[in-house]
Protein backbone atom coordinates (compact mmCIF):
# COMPACT_ATOMS: atom_id res chain seq x y z
CA UNK A 1 0.00 0.00 0.00
CA UNK A 2 1.21 3.46 -0.67
CA UNK A 3 1.00 6.22 1.89
CA UNK A 4 -2.24 7.71 0.49
CA UNK A 5 -4.20 4.50 1.05
CA UNK A 6 -2.85 4.23 4.59
CA UNK A 7 -3.74 7.86 5.29
CA UNK A 8 -7.26 7.41 3.91
CA UNK A 9 -7.86 4.23 5.94
CA UNK A 10 -6.53 5.95 9.05
CA UNK A 11 -8.92 8.87 8.53
CA UNK A 12 -11.87 6.52 8.07
CA UNK A 13 -10.93 4.47 11.15
CA UNK A 14 -10.48 7.64 13.20
CA UNK A 15 -13.87 8.97 12.14
CA UNK A 16 -15.54 5.65 12.99
CA UNK A 17 -13.86 5.68 16.40
CA UNK A 18 -15.05 9.24 17.10
CA UNK A 19 -18.65 8.39 16.17
CA UNK A 20 -18.56 5.21 18.29
CA UNK A 21 -17.12 7.13 21.25
CA UNK A 22 -19.84 9.80 20.98
CA UNK A 23 -22.65 7.21 20.75
CA UNK A 24 -21.41 5.02 23.61
CA UNK A 25 -22.73 7.06 26.58
CA UNK A 26 -26.11 7.61 24.87
CA UNK A 27 -26.96 3.95 24.28
CA UNK A 28 -30.43 2.96 25.50
CA UNK A 29 -31.71 -0.41 26.52
CA UNK A 30 -34.00 -2.08 23.99
CA UNK A 31 -37.66 -1.40 24.71
CA UNK A 32 -40.15 -3.60 22.89
CA UNK A 33 -42.93 -1.05 23.34
CA UNK A 34 -40.85 1.87 22.04
CA UNK A 35 -39.29 0.06 19.07
CA UNK A 36 -42.29 -1.90 17.79
CA UNK A 37 -45.25 0.16 19.05
CA UNK A 38 -46.80 -3.01 20.47
CA UNK A 39 -47.63 -4.05 23.99
CA UNK A 40 -48.95 -2.28 27.02
CA UNK A 41 -46.74 0.79 26.55
CA UNK A 42 -48.88 2.06 23.69
CA UNK A 43 -52.29 1.03 25.06
CA UNK A 44 -53.24 4.63 25.81
CA UNK A 45 -52.59 5.71 22.23
CA UNK A 46 -54.45 2.86 20.51
CA UNK A 47 -57.90 4.48 20.64
CA UNK A 48 -56.76 7.92 19.52
CA UNK A 49 -55.40 7.12 16.05
CA UNK A 50 -56.71 6.37 12.61
CA UNK A 51 -56.00 3.19 10.69
CA UNK A 52 -55.09 2.62 7.07
CA UNK A 53 -55.62 -0.75 5.39
CA UNK A 54 -53.97 -1.59 2.07
CA UNK A 55 -55.66 -4.45 0.23
CA UNK A 56 -54.28 -5.74 -3.06
CA UNK A 57 -54.38 -9.07 -4.87
CA UNK A 58 -52.92 -10.17 -8.13
CA UNK A 59 -55.23 -9.30 -11.00
CA UNK A 60 -57.42 -7.01 -8.87
CA UNK A 61 -57.39 -3.28 -8.36
CA UNK A 62 -55.62 -2.24 -5.14
CA UNK A 63 -57.76 -0.64 -2.43
CA UNK A 64 -56.82 1.72 0.37
CA UNK A 65 -59.29 1.93 3.26
CA UNK A 66 -58.93 4.72 5.82
CA UNK A 67 -60.84 4.26 9.07
CA UNK A 68 -61.29 7.47 11.03
CA UNK A 69 -61.83 7.21 14.76
């Protein structure tokens, strides 16, 4: 490798290390309710929203049904 490739790889590795060091103290524990919007954590919000249903089959016209609550 010539010196330019080594310098470029060093810059990339340094940048990756800086981003990893900045993100390390801010890591959160995985929360099923927060990441997937399922479970008891979102039970209070379930009745307040609208729902959209996409229905499509091969050979048929696709339908979009919006249910307002």
